[in-house]
Structure formats: structure tokens, C-alpha cells
Amino acid sequence: MRLFNRSLVAIMLHQFLFDEAAANVTLLFILAHVGGVILASWQHRENLVKAMLTGREKAD
């Protein structure tokens, strides 16, 4: 029975570490995406967030 308990603890620890790593990678992707939107918005001199929400783009 003791071996089962150690295995269960190892599985739980592994799952916790994997979930935390997956959450951190997801957060990194979100921050990269938001940074890219801000950079593109600045480069194109256009409010891309507003364009995404309204569906209308500034006419040149």
C-alpha cells in the first residue's frame, strides 16, 4: 500500500508542475499577442483594438 501512496503523490506532483508550466506558457503567448497588437497598432497608426471590436477600419 505504501508504494501506491508514493506513486499517487508523484502523479499529483507531476500533474501540478505540468499544469503550472502550461499556465505559464499560455500567459506568455497572451502577453506576446497583446504586445504584437500594440506594436502593429503603433506602426500602422491605427487603433486595431477598436477596429477588431467594431469591425470598421480607418479609411486612408
C-alpha atoms as a PDB file:
ATOM      1  CA  MET A   1       0.000   0.000   0.000  1.00  0.00           C
ATOM      2  CA  ARG A   2       2.885   2.362   0.702  1.00  0.00           C
ATOM      3  CA  LEU A   3       4.117   2.090  -2.904  1.00  0.00           C
ATOM      4  CA  PHE A   4       0.671   3.115  -4.109  1.00  0.00           C
ATOM      5  CA  ASN A   5       0.724   6.211  -1.903  1.00  0.00           C
ATOM      6  CA  ARG A   6       4.151   7.276  -3.201  1.00  0.00           C
ATOM      7  CA  SER A   7       3.020   6.758  -6.774  1.00  0.00           C
ATOM      8  CA  LEU A   8      -0.100   8.795  -6.157  1.00  0.00           C
ATOM      9  CA  VAL A   9       1.946  11.622  -4.648  1.00  0.00           C
ATOM     10  CA  ALA A  10       4.356  11.501  -7.597  1.00  0.00           C
ATOM     11  CA  ILE A  11       1.471  11.657 -10.067  1.00  0.00           C
ATOM     12  CA  MET A  12      -0.133  14.544  -8.224  1.00  0.00           C
ATOM     13  CA  LEU A  13       3.170  16.450  -8.083  1.00  0.00           C
ATOM     14  CA  HIS A  14       3.808  15.819 -11.780  1.00  0.00           C
ATOM     15  CA  GLN A  15       0.287  16.995 -12.664  1.00  0.00           C
ATOM     16  CA  PHE A  16       0.685  20.134 -10.544  1.00  0.00           C
ATOM     17  CA  LEU A  17       4.012  21.022 -12.179  1.00  0.00           C
ATOM     18  CA  PHE A  18       2.665  20.328 -15.673  1.00  0.00           C
ATOM     19  CA  ASP A  19      -0.438  22.450 -15.074  1.00  0.00           C
ATOM     20  CA  GLU A  20       1.666  25.316 -13.757  1.00  0.00           C
ATOM     21  CA  ALA A  21       4.022  25.144 -16.745  1.00  0.00           C
ATOM     22  CA  ALA A  22       1.104  25.027 -19.184  1.00  0.00           C
ATOM     23  CA  ALA A  23      -0.468  28.071 -17.498  1.00  0.00           C
ATOM     24  CA  ASN A  24       2.828  29.970 -17.704  1.00  0.00           C
ATOM     25  CA  VAL A  25       3.261  29.153 -21.398  1.00  0.00           C
ATOM     26  CA  THR A  26      -0.316  30.239 -22.087  1.00  0.00           C
ATOM     27  CA  LEU A  27       0.286  33.509 -20.244  1.00  0.00           C
ATOM     28  CA  LEU A  28       3.467  34.058 -22.272  1.00  0.00           C
ATOM     29  CA  PHE A  29       1.526  33.581 -25.535  1.00  0.00           C
ATOM     30  CA  ILE A  30      -1.185  36.005 -24.385  1.00  0.00           C
ATOM     31  CA  LEU A  31       1.384  38.663 -23.480  1.00  0.00           C
ATOM     32  CA  ALA A  32       3.171  38.181 -26.827  1.00  0.00           C
ATOM     33  CA  HIS A  33      -0.131  38.538 -28.666  1.00  0.00           C
ATOM     34  CA  VAL A  34      -1.110  41.719 -26.815  1.00  0.00           C
ATOM     35  CA  GLY A  35       2.376  43.128 -27.385  1.00  0.00           C
ATOM     36  CA  GLY A  36       2.104  42.360 -31.098  1.00  0.00           C
ATOM     37  CA  VAL A  37      -1.266  44.099 -31.330  1.00  0.00           C
ATOM     38  CA  ILE A  38       0.126  47.172 -29.582  1.00  0.00           C
ATOM     39  CA  LEU A  39       3.207  47.226 -31.824  1.00  0.00           C
ATOM     40  CA  ALA A  40       1.176  46.773 -35.024  1.00  0.00           C
ATOM     41  CA  SER A  41      -1.304  49.416 -33.888  1.00  0.00           C
ATOM     42  CA  TRP A  42       1.538  51.862 -33.314  1.00  0.00           C
ATOM     43  CA  GLN A  43       3.270  51.038 -36.613  1.00  0.00           C
ATOM     44  CA  HIS A  44       0.093  51.408 -38.685  1.00  0.00           C
ATOM     45  CA  ARG A  45      -1.123  54.447 -36.721  1.00  0.00           C
ATOM     46  CA  GLU A  46      -4.476  52.749 -36.274  1.00  0.00           C
ATOM     47  CA  ASN A  47      -6.438  51.655 -33.227  1.00  0.00           C
ATOM     48  CA  LEU A  48      -6.552  47.936 -34.012  1.00  0.00           C
ATOM     49  CA  VAL A  49      -8.496  47.050 -30.874  1.00  0.00           C
ATOM     50  CA  LYS A  50     -11.278  49.439 -31.869  1.00  0.00           C
ATOM     51  CA  ALA A  51     -11.231  48.045 -35.414  1.00  0.00           C
ATOM     52  CA  MET A  52     -11.494  44.487 -34.054  1.00  0.00           C
ATOM     53  CA  LEU A  53     -14.422  45.392 -31.814  1.00  0.00           C
ATOM     54  CA  THR A  54     -16.395  47.485 -34.298  1.00  0.00           C
ATOM     55  CA  GLY A  55     -15.404  45.707 -37.497  1.00  0.00           C
ATOM     56  CA  ARG A  56     -14.598  49.030 -39.128  1.00  0.00           C
ATOM     57  CA  GLU A  57     -11.186  50.114 -40.297  1.00  0.00           C
ATOM     58  CA  LYS A  58      -9.914  53.655 -40.688  1.00  0.00           C
ATOM     59  CA  ALA A  59     -10.059  54.691 -44.348  1.00  0.00           C
ATOM     60  CA  ASP A  60      -6.873  56.037 -45.881  1.00  0.00           C
END
